Amino acid sequence: MIRIYNSLTKKIEDFIPIKENEVSMYVCGPTVYDSMHIGNSRPVIFFDTVARFFRYLGYKLTYVSNYTDIDDKIIARAKRDNLTEEEVSERYIGEINETIRQLNCLPFSKTPRVTESISEIIDFIGKIVNCGGAYVVAGDVYFDIEQVKDYGILSGQTVDNLISGARIDFNEKKKNPLDFNLWKRTTEGKRWPSPWSAGRPGWHTECVVMIQNIFKGKIDIHGGGNDLKFPHHDNEIAQSICLHNHAIANYWMHNGMIDFSGEKMSKSLGNYIAAKDLLAKISYPVYRLMILNVPYRQPLAFKEELLQQAENDYQKIYRSYIGIYRALELSEQNIKSVSSGEIEQLKEDFLSAMKDDFNTANALTVIHQLVKIANTLVRNGDEQLGYLKRVLLLMAEMLWVFGIEIDVSPLTAEDKLTVKAYYQAKKAKNYRLSDQLRDIIMAKGIII
């Protein structure tokens, strides 16, 4: 049984999908006015790992993440760069898609854009107005939070605390400072005709509508970063309760923030690193291990030591994987996989860690234990090859869940002879010959 910490109920719960053996999951995507920074990439990597684990267990998964392609920040970027809003959004959607690909994430089932759902958004807002959940003031439409009994249920705060603790802009049009825009009248940027004014939708309405469009009702999991709990996700829930009488998802999951020196990483603070820039310096497996080596609900303090640890971890895994592969390849036998209680226990330990609220840190510890067993088996020689094949298959499965796939180029017949000769010379302590053969191997780019 998978157990998930549900941000909505503030407790660990057994995961029971709405439809047997199927999972519906929606994770809030980026507003596409700039490059993805590494803080944005944490939910991308984590929820991709969640998606992979569900698929590994045999669930049929529908995994959706959106692009917010209309927003004040996009308008500002378009003005700054002398571009249209469409050109800005297309530029950064393309760039972000490439970053996600480089992170070796599986494709989403769907990637809806807000501008594709404007008519449905207008219809949704109209229904909320008609049922008394929203009011119109001079072309703007505001959601009336007083119409929802448990407003703020996700963040777990009272309305009074939210008003005093949050940065709420004073607006004399609102009945309550926490009331939020469903439709914004505007004279700049791209806008659409509506019964209330020419304008564009409010951010908090968009995901509610896209989820309903795609899933036609309540979903299993809604995810995102901790910074989205209030106001974004609280406001999504309020609208859904008002119109659909449910909180959108049975399970709400939120990852912790990445921070620099005790501050949340933020474009507005200017203390961020673009994911593409970090990927230019380190490989994607190192990047993913850096993210996944910290439990997802905890904050992740970005430090050089964390990167170095991830690099060291990956090198150990990589060398072990290559060593197993070469040992099996050089034996030139038709080897059958042979298991043992110790090996299968590690598989159970990995599954247990991942089923325990997707504890990737503990699951990574299991992978390291498997590496130690693999290295011992390689040293023990041919009599261990059956066990070694099982370890290779299991390691590949675990790494796939982590989004890491190690490609090894098979040796040619000539290269096999060279590598075998190198090992024989090394075993015979013929260091002069082994050094010569090693130089040949390295010159050919062969990894052993």
Protein backbone atom coordinates (compact mmCIF):
# COMPACT_ATOMS: atom_id res chain seq x y z
CA MET A 1 0.00 0.00 0.00
CA ILE A 2 1.36 3.42 -0.98
CA ARG A 3 1.08 6.01 1.77
CA ILE A 4 1.08 9.75 0.99
CA TYR A 5 1.31 12.82 3.17
CA ASN A 6 -1.84 14.72 2.25
CA SER A 7 -1.32 18.48 2.59
CA LEU A 8 -5.10 18.90 2.76
CA THR A 9 -5.62 16.71 5.84
CA LYS A 10 -2.10 17.24 7.26
CA LYS A 11 -1.52 13.51 7.76
CA ILE A 12 -0.15 10.38 6.10
CA GLU A 13 -2.89 8.43 4.37
CA ASP A 14 -3.24 5.19 2.43
CA PHE A 15 -3.45 5.95 -1.27
CA ILE A 16 -6.74 4.66 -2.67
CA PRO A 17 -7.25 5.78 -6.29
CA ILE A 18 -10.65 6.87 -7.53
CA LYS A 19 -10.49 4.20 -10.25
CA GLU A 20 -8.84 0.88 -9.51
CA ASN A 21 -5.31 0.61 -10.98
CA GLU A 22 -5.54 4.13 -12.46
CA VAL A 23 -4.03 7.39 -11.23
CA SER A 24 -4.95 10.94 -12.26
CA MET A 25 -2.36 13.57 -11.37
CA TYR A 26 -2.07 17.29 -12.09
CA VAL A 27 0.93 19.43 -11.18
CA CYS A 28 0.92 23.20 -11.63
CA GLY A 29 3.32 24.20 -14.38
CA PRO A 30 5.29 27.39 -15.00
CA THR A 31 4.31 30.86 -16.08
CA VAL A 32 6.34 31.11 -19.26
CA TYR A 33 8.08 34.46 -19.11
CA ASP A 34 11.62 33.30 -18.26
CA SER A 35 13.92 30.28 -18.05
CA MET A 36 13.22 27.51 -15.57
CA HIS A 37 15.35 27.93 -12.44
CA ILE A 38 16.45 25.04 -10.27
CA GLY A 39 13.74 25.83 -7.72
CA ASN A 40 11.13 25.31 -10.48
CA SER A 41 12.86 22.09 -11.47
CA ARG A 42 12.40 20.39 -8.10
CA PRO A 43 8.69 19.61 -8.60
CA VAL A 44 9.41 18.65 -12.22
CA ILE A 45 11.96 16.04 -11.12
CA PHE A 46 10.11 14.85 -8.03
CA PHE A 47 6.71 14.40 -9.63
CA ASP A 48 8.32 12.73 -12.65
CA THR A 49 9.75 10.21 -10.16
CA VAL A 50 6.29 9.78 -8.61
CA ALA A 51 4.87 9.20 -12.09
CA ARG A 52 7.60 6.67 -12.89
CA PHE A 53 6.94 4.76 -9.66
CA PHE A 54 3.22 4.53 -10.34
CA ARG A 55 4.00 3.21 -13.82
CA TYR A 56 6.60 0.80 -12.41
CA LEU A 57 3.89 -0.64 -10.15
CA GLY A 58 1.62 -1.10 -13.16
CA TYR A 59 -0.82 1.78 -12.70
CA LYS A 60 -2.34 3.46 -15.72
CA LEU A 61 -1.32 7.07 -15.16
CA THR A 62 -2.66 10.29 -16.63
CA TYR A 63 -0.18 13.01 -15.69
CA VAL A 64 -0.95 16.59 -16.69
CA SER A 65 1.02 19.80 -16.20
CA ASN A 66 0.01 23.16 -17.66
CA TYR A 67 1.66 26.24 -19.12
CA THR A 68 0.38 29.64 -17.99
CA ASP A 69 0.86 31.55 -21.23
CA ILE A 70 -0.97 34.78 -20.34
CA ASP A 71 0.09 36.86 -17.35
CA ASP A 72 1.28 40.32 -16.31
CA LYS A 73 4.87 39.04 -16.22
CA ILE A 74 4.60 37.83 -19.82
CA ILE A 75 3.25 41.22 -20.85
CA ALA A 76 6.14 42.98 -19.09
CA ARG A 77 8.70 40.68 -20.75
CA ALA A 78 7.11 41.26 -24.17
CA LYS A 79 7.39 45.03 -23.68
CA ARG A 80 10.98 44.76 -22.51
CA ASP A 81 12.07 42.57 -25.43
CA ASN A 82 9.87 44.26 -28.04
CA LEU A 83 8.02 41.00 -28.73
CA THR A 84 4.42 39.86 -28.74
CA GLU A 85 3.13 37.88 -25.78
CA GLU A 86 2.79 34.84 -28.06
CA GLU A 87 6.45 35.14 -29.07
CA VAL A 88 7.53 35.34 -25.43
CA SER A 89 5.45 32.33 -24.37
CA GLU A 90 6.51 30.25 -27.38
CA ARG A 91 10.18 31.04 -26.73
CA TYR A 92 10.07 29.93 -23.12
CA ILE A 93 7.74 26.96 -23.64
CA GLY A 94 10.27 25.68 -26.17
CA GLU A 95 13.18 26.32 -23.82
CA ILE A 96 11.44 24.77 -20.80
CA ASN A 97 10.41 21.72 -22.84
CA GLU A 98 14.06 21.23 -23.80
CA THR A 99 15.17 21.57 -20.16
CA ILE A 100 12.58 18.99 -19.10
CA ARG A 101 13.82 16.67 -21.86
CA GLN A 102 17.42 17.13 -20.72
CA LEU A 103 16.35 16.19 -17.19
CA ASN A 104 15.18 12.87 -18.70
CA CYS A 105 11.57 13.32 -17.62
CA LEU A 106 8.89 11.19 -19.22
CA PRO A 107 6.47 13.10 -21.48
CA PHE A 108 3.35 14.46 -19.81
CA SER A 109 0.02 12.99 -20.87
CA LYS A 110 -1.14 16.52 -21.68
CA THR A 111 0.32 20.04 -21.41
CA PRO A 112 -2.66 22.39 -21.68
CA ARG A 113 -2.18 26.13 -22.16
CA VAL A 114 -4.42 28.71 -20.55
CA THR A 115 -5.07 30.47 -23.88
CA GLU A 116 -6.60 27.23 -25.21
CA SER A 117 -9.31 27.25 -22.52
CA ILE A 118 -10.54 30.85 -22.49
CA SER A 119 -14.12 30.04 -23.52
CA GLU A 120 -14.38 27.35 -20.83
CA ILE A 121 -12.90 29.74 -18.26
CA ILE A 122 -15.48 32.43 -19.13
CA ASP A 123 -18.26 29.84 -18.86
CA PHE A 124 -16.91 28.66 -15.47
CA ILE A 125 -16.75 32.21 -14.10
CA GLY A 126 -20.27 32.88 -15.33
CA LYS A 127 -21.56 29.89 -13.39
CA ILE A 128 -19.86 31.07 -10.19
CA VAL A 129 -21.36 34.56 -10.65
CA ASN A 130 -24.82 33.07 -11.24
CA CYS A 131 -24.68 30.91 -8.11
CA GLY A 132 -23.65 33.86 -5.96
CA GLY A 133 -20.03 32.87 -5.45
CA ALA A 134 -18.60 35.91 -7.22
CA TYR A 135 -19.49 39.54 -7.89
CA VAL A 136 -18.79 42.02 -10.67
CA VAL A 137 -17.34 45.49 -10.11
CA ALA A 138 -16.63 47.76 -13.09
CA GLY A 139 -15.78 44.86 -15.40
CA ASP A 140 -13.70 42.94 -12.86
CA VAL A 141 -15.03 39.71 -11.35
CA TYR A 142 -14.06 38.78 -7.79
CA PHE A 143 -14.58 35.54 -5.92
CA ASP A 144 -16.41 36.08 -2.63
CA ILE A 145 -14.52 34.01 -0.06
CA GLU A 146 -17.37 34.45 2.45
CA GLN A 147 -19.36 31.99 0.32
CA VAL A 148 -16.95 29.16 1.23
CA LYS A 149 -17.14 27.85 4.78
CA ASP A 150 -13.59 26.50 5.06
CA TYR A 151 -11.63 29.07 3.06
CA GLY A 152 -7.89 28.56 3.68
CA ILE A 153 -8.33 24.85 4.49
CA LEU A 154 -5.13 23.85 2.66
CA SER A 155 -2.82 26.41 4.26
CA GLY A 156 -4.59 25.70 7.55
CA GLN A 157 -5.05 29.32 8.55
CA THR A 158 -8.06 31.36 9.55
CA VAL A 159 -9.27 34.21 7.37
CA ASP A 160 -8.13 36.72 10.03
CA ASN A 161 -4.63 35.23 10.11
CA LEU A 162 -4.43 35.22 6.31
CA ILE A 163 -5.41 38.88 6.16
CA SER A 164 -2.89 39.91 8.81
CA GLY A 165 -0.07 37.62 7.65
CA ALA A 166 -0.27 37.81 3.87
CA ARG A 167 0.68 40.66 1.62
CA ILE A 168 -2.80 41.72 0.51
CA ASP A 169 -3.09 44.66 -1.85
CA PHE A 170 -5.75 47.14 -0.76
CA ASN A 171 -8.49 47.35 -3.35
CA GLU A 172 -11.64 49.36 -2.65
CA LYS A 173 -13.55 47.27 -5.19
CA LYS A 174 -13.32 44.17 -2.98
CA LYS A 175 -15.76 43.21 -0.25
CA ASN A 176 -12.94 41.38 1.55
CA PRO A 177 -9.17 41.89 1.16
CA LEU A 178 -8.80 38.15 0.40
CA ASP A 179 -11.34 38.15 -2.44
CA PHE A 180 -9.47 37.39 -5.65
CA ASN A 181 -9.80 38.07 -9.37
CA LEU A 182 -11.60 35.55 -11.54
CA TRP A 183 -11.66 37.98 -14.46
CA LYS A 184 -9.53 41.08 -14.86
CA ARG A 185 -10.60 44.01 -16.98
CA THR A 186 -7.56 45.33 -18.85
CA THR A 187 -6.61 47.65 -21.65
CA GLU A 188 -3.09 46.28 -22.18
CA GLY A 189 -1.84 42.95 -23.38
CA LYS A 190 -3.84 40.21 -24.98
CA ARG A 191 -7.49 40.24 -23.91
CA TRP A 192 -10.75 38.50 -24.76
CA PRO A 193 -14.37 39.64 -24.84
CA SER A 194 -16.55 38.46 -21.97
CA PRO A 195 -19.97 39.33 -20.47
CA TRP A 196 -18.18 41.60 -17.98
CA SER A 197 -15.39 43.31 -19.97
CA ALA A 198 -12.58 42.84 -22.41
CA GLY A 199 -9.89 41.25 -20.28
CA ARG A 200 -8.19 38.06 -19.23
CA PRO A 201 -8.70 35.38 -16.57
CA GLY A 202 -7.28 35.41 -13.06
CA TRP A 203 -4.43 33.00 -12.36
CA HIS A 204 -6.27 31.03 -9.66
CA THR A 205 -9.14 30.10 -11.99
CA GLU A 206 -7.12 28.65 -14.84
CA CYS A 207 -6.01 25.33 -13.34
CA VAL A 208 -9.46 24.57 -11.91
CA VAL A 209 -10.95 24.82 -15.38
CA MET A 210 -8.19 22.89 -17.17
CA ILE A 211 -8.45 20.05 -14.64
CA GLN A 212 -12.21 19.87 -15.18
CA ASN A 213 -11.78 20.01 -18.97
CA ILE A 214 -9.35 17.09 -19.02
CA PHE A 215 -10.43 14.86 -16.13
CA LYS A 216 -14.18 15.68 -16.00
CA GLY A 217 -14.27 15.62 -12.22
CA LYS A 218 -12.25 15.02 -9.10
CA ILE A 219 -8.69 13.73 -9.48
CA ASP A 220 -6.41 11.63 -7.32
CA ILE A 221 -3.41 13.93 -6.84
CA HIS A 222 -2.81 17.65 -7.24
CA GLY A 223 0.78 18.77 -6.72
CA GLY A 224 3.13 21.71 -6.68
CA GLY A 225 5.60 23.62 -4.55
CA ASN A 226 4.92 24.72 -0.96
CA ASP A 227 4.76 28.32 -2.11
CA LEU A 228 1.55 27.53 -4.01
CA LYS A 229 -0.47 26.47 -0.96
CA PHE A 230 -1.62 30.04 -0.36
CA PRO A 231 -3.07 31.77 -2.18
CA HIS A 232 -3.04 29.71 -5.38
CA HIS A 233 -4.16 26.28 -4.21
CA ASP A 234 -6.43 27.58 -1.45
CA ASN A 235 -8.16 29.69 -4.10
CA GLU A 236 -8.44 26.76 -6.52
CA ILE A 237 -10.09 24.68 -3.79
CA ALA A 238 -12.48 27.51 -2.86
CA GLN A 239 -13.76 27.80 -6.43
CA SER A 240 -14.14 24.05 -6.84
CA ILE A 241 -16.02 23.71 -3.56
CA CYS A 242 -18.29 26.59 -4.58
CA LEU A 243 -19.20 25.16 -7.98
CA HIS A 244 -18.42 21.41 -7.82
CA ASN A 245 -18.70 20.74 -4.06
CA HIS A 246 -15.28 19.02 -3.88
CA ALA A 247 -11.66 20.02 -3.22
CA ILE A 248 -10.40 19.08 -6.74
CA ALA A 249 -8.18 16.22 -5.53
CA ASN A 250 -8.24 13.54 -2.86
CA TYR A 251 -4.53 14.02 -2.18
CA TRP A 252 -2.59 17.28 -2.28
CA MET A 253 1.20 17.01 -2.41
CA HIS A 254 3.69 19.86 -1.99
CA ASN A 255 7.46 19.81 -2.25
CA GLY A 256 9.76 21.98 -0.14
CA MET A 257 11.60 24.95 -1.58
CA ILE A 258 15.22 25.20 -2.71
CA ASP A 259 16.97 28.03 -0.96
CA PHE A 260 20.21 29.99 -0.99
CA SER A 261 21.58 31.12 2.39
CA GLY A 262 18.25 30.72 4.15
CA GLU A 263 16.23 32.54 1.47
CA LYS A 264 13.78 30.96 -0.92
CA MET A 265 15.16 30.86 -4.46
CA SER A 266 13.25 33.47 -6.43
CA LYS A 267 13.50 35.36 -9.69
CA SER A 268 12.18 38.48 -7.97
CA LEU A 269 15.00 38.28 -5.40
CA GLY A 270 17.55 37.63 -8.15
CA ASN A 271 19.07 34.70 -6.23
CA TYR A 272 18.48 31.88 -8.65
CA ILE A 273 20.35 29.63 -11.07
CA ALA A 274 18.74 28.68 -14.37
CA ALA A 275 18.30 24.92 -14.71
CA LYS A 276 19.79 25.00 -18.21
CA ASP A 277 22.96 26.66 -16.85
CA LEU A 278 23.38 24.00 -14.17
CA LEU A 279 22.79 21.27 -16.76
CA ALA A 280 25.63 22.77 -18.81
CA LYS A 281 27.96 22.00 -15.88
CA ILE A 282 26.67 18.68 -14.55
CA SER A 283 25.00 15.62 -16.06
CA TYR A 284 21.28 15.05 -15.62
CA PRO A 285 21.77 11.97 -13.34
CA VAL A 286 23.82 14.11 -10.93
CA TYR A 287 21.13 16.82 -11.07
CA ARG A 288 18.36 14.34 -10.30
CA LEU A 289 20.33 12.69 -7.48
CA MET A 290 20.96 16.11 -5.93
CA ILE A 291 17.20 16.73 -5.86
CA LEU A 292 16.12 13.22 -4.84
CA ASN A 293 18.67 12.75 -2.06
CA VAL A 294 16.58 15.07 0.14
CA PRO A 295 13.04 14.03 1.21
CA TYR A 296 10.67 16.01 -0.99
CA ARG A 297 8.76 17.81 1.79
CA GLN A 298 11.94 19.18 3.34
CA PRO A 299 13.61 22.37 2.14
CA LEU A 300 16.74 21.81 0.08
CA ALA A 301 19.65 24.14 0.84
CA PHE A 302 21.59 24.54 -2.39
CA LYS A 303 25.31 24.16 -1.66
CA GLU A 304 28.36 23.11 -3.63
CA GLU A 305 28.80 20.18 -1.21
CA LEU A 306 25.36 18.86 -2.20
CA LEU A 307 26.37 18.84 -5.86
CA GLN A 308 29.67 17.14 -5.04
CA GLN A 309 27.89 14.48 -3.00
CA ALA A 310 25.52 13.80 -5.90
CA GLU A 311 28.49 13.58 -8.28
CA ASN A 312 30.25 11.09 -5.99
CA ASP A 313 27.06 9.05 -5.59
CA TYR A 314 26.53 8.85 -9.32
CA GLN A 315 30.12 7.87 -10.05
CA LYS A 316 29.84 4.95 -7.60
CA ILE A 317 26.60 3.81 -9.21
CA TYR A 318 27.89 4.32 -12.75
CA ARG A 319 31.17 2.46 -12.21
CA SER A 320 29.34 -0.42 -10.56
CA TYR A 321 26.79 -0.64 -13.38
CA ILE A 322 29.52 -0.62 -16.04
CA GLY A 323 31.51 -3.21 -14.10
CA ILE A 324 28.52 -5.58 -13.98
CA TYR A 325 27.75 -5.04 -17.65
CA ARG A 326 31.33 -5.73 -18.74
CA ALA A 327 31.69 -8.80 -16.53
CA LEU A 328 28.57 -10.34 -18.11
CA GLU A 329 29.61 -9.25 -21.61
CA LEU A 330 33.17 -10.59 -21.38
CA SER A 331 32.01 -13.98 -20.10
CA GLU A 332 30.35 -14.55 -23.50
CA GLN A 333 27.96 -17.01 -21.89
CA ASN A 334 24.21 -17.27 -22.10
CA ILE A 335 23.71 -16.38 -18.47
CA LYS A 336 20.41 -16.89 -16.71
CA SER A 337 19.38 -14.55 -13.96
CA VAL A 338 19.71 -16.13 -10.51
CA SER A 339 18.34 -14.46 -7.41
CA SER A 340 18.93 -14.70 -3.68
CA GLY A 341 17.10 -13.70 -0.53
CA GLU A 342 19.52 -10.84 0.03
CA ILE A 343 18.97 -9.39 -3.45
CA GLU A 344 15.19 -9.71 -3.31
CA GLN A 345 15.11 -8.16 0.16
CA LEU A 346 16.75 -5.07 -1.31
CA LYS A 347 14.00 -4.88 -3.90
CA GLU A 348 11.41 -5.02 -1.11
CA ASP A 349 13.32 -2.35 0.82
CA PHE A 350 13.32 -0.10 -2.25
CA LEU A 351 9.60 -0.58 -2.77
CA SER A 352 8.92 0.05 0.92
CA ALA A 353 10.88 3.30 0.84
CA MET A 354 9.08 4.57 -2.24
CA LYS A 355 5.69 3.50 -0.92
CA ASP A 356 6.39 5.43 2.27
CA ASP A 357 5.45 8.87 0.93
CA PHE A 358 7.97 8.53 -1.92
CA ASN A 359 11.02 8.54 0.36
CA THR A 360 13.63 8.83 -2.37
CA ALA A 361 16.42 9.45 0.14
CA ASN A 362 15.89 6.02 1.74
CA ALA A 363 15.39 4.43 -1.68
CA LEU A 364 18.76 5.83 -2.78
CA THR A 365 20.35 4.20 0.27
CA VAL A 366 19.00 0.86 -0.99
CA ILE A 367 20.56 1.48 -4.42
CA HIS A 368 23.93 2.04 -2.71
CA GLN A 369 23.51 -1.24 -0.83
CA LEU A 370 22.86 -2.98 -4.14
CA VAL A 371 26.02 -1.37 -5.54
CA LYS A 372 28.08 -2.88 -2.71
CA ILE A 373 26.68 -6.34 -3.41
CA ALA A 374 27.38 -5.89 -7.13
CA ASN A 375 30.99 -4.88 -6.54
CA THR A 376 31.55 -7.95 -4.35
CA LEU A 377 30.02 -10.25 -6.98
CA VAL A 378 32.22 -8.76 -9.72
CA ARG A 379 35.32 -9.42 -7.64
CA ASN A 380 34.24 -13.00 -6.98
CA GLY A 381 34.40 -13.95 -10.66
CA ASP A 382 32.51 -16.21 -13.04
CA GLU A 383 30.76 -18.36 -10.45
CA GLN A 384 28.67 -15.32 -9.44
CA LEU A 385 27.48 -14.33 -12.93
CA GLY A 386 23.88 -15.52 -12.51
CA TYR A 387 23.46 -13.40 -9.40
CA LEU A 388 25.23 -10.55 -11.15
CA LYS A 389 22.71 -10.57 -13.98
CA ARG A 390 19.83 -10.33 -11.51
CA VAL A 391 21.57 -7.39 -9.79
CA LEU A 392 22.04 -5.63 -13.13
CA LEU A 393 18.34 -6.01 -14.00
CA LEU A 394 17.25 -4.83 -10.55
CA MET A 395 19.64 -1.88 -10.56
CA ALA A 396 18.33 -0.81 -13.95
CA GLU A 397 14.75 -0.95 -12.63
CA MET A 398 15.56 1.15 -9.56
CA LEU A 399 17.52 3.70 -11.58
CA TRP A 400 14.66 3.97 -14.09
CA VAL A 401 12.32 4.95 -11.26
CA PHE A 402 14.86 7.64 -10.36
CA GLY A 403 14.86 8.79 -13.98
CA ILE A 404 18.41 7.59 -14.62
CA GLU A 405 19.24 5.40 -17.59
CA ILE A 406 22.82 4.30 -18.21
CA ASP A 407 23.66 3.53 -21.80
CA VAL A 408 26.63 1.23 -22.37
CA SER A 409 28.13 0.66 -25.81
CA PRO A 410 28.79 -3.06 -26.40
CA LEU A 411 32.36 -4.07 -27.13
CA THR A 412 33.43 -5.24 -30.56
CA ALA A 413 35.11 -8.65 -30.86
CA GLU A 414 38.49 -6.92 -31.17
CA ASP A 415 37.84 -4.72 -28.15
CA LYS A 416 36.82 -7.73 -26.08
CA LEU A 417 40.18 -9.36 -26.81
CA THR A 418 41.99 -6.16 -25.79
CA VAL A 419 40.05 -5.81 -22.55
CA LYS A 420 40.49 -9.47 -21.66
CA ALA A 421 44.21 -9.18 -22.33
CA TYR A 422 44.35 -6.12 -20.08
CA TYR A 423 42.69 -7.97 -17.20
CA GLN A 424 44.97 -11.00 -17.69
CA ALA A 425 48.09 -8.81 -17.72
CA LYS A 426 46.89 -7.01 -14.61
CA LYS A 427 46.17 -10.30 -12.83
CA ALA A 428 49.63 -11.60 -13.80
CA LYS A 429 51.15 -8.33 -12.49
CA ASN A 430 52.60 -7.59 -15.91
CA TYR A 431 52.21 -3.86 -15.29
CA ARG A 432 54.10 -2.75 -18.38
CA LEU A 433 51.74 -4.64 -20.69
CA SER A 434 48.65 -3.75 -18.66
CA ASP A 435 49.59 -0.05 -18.85
CA GLN A 436 50.02 -0.29 -22.63
CA LEU A 437 46.68 -2.03 -23.03
CA ARG A 438 44.99 0.45 -20.71
CA ASP A 439 46.26 3.31 -22.87
CA ILE A 440 44.79 1.62 -25.96
CA ILE A 441 41.46 1.12 -24.15
CA MET A 442 41.36 4.74 -23.04
CA ALA A 443 42.31 6.03 -26.49
CA LYS A 444 39.35 4.13 -27.96
CA GLY A 445 37.02 5.64 -25.37
CA ILE A 446 36.12 2.22 -23.96
CA ILE A 447 34.65 2.37 -20.47
CA ILE A 448 35.38 -0.64 -18.29
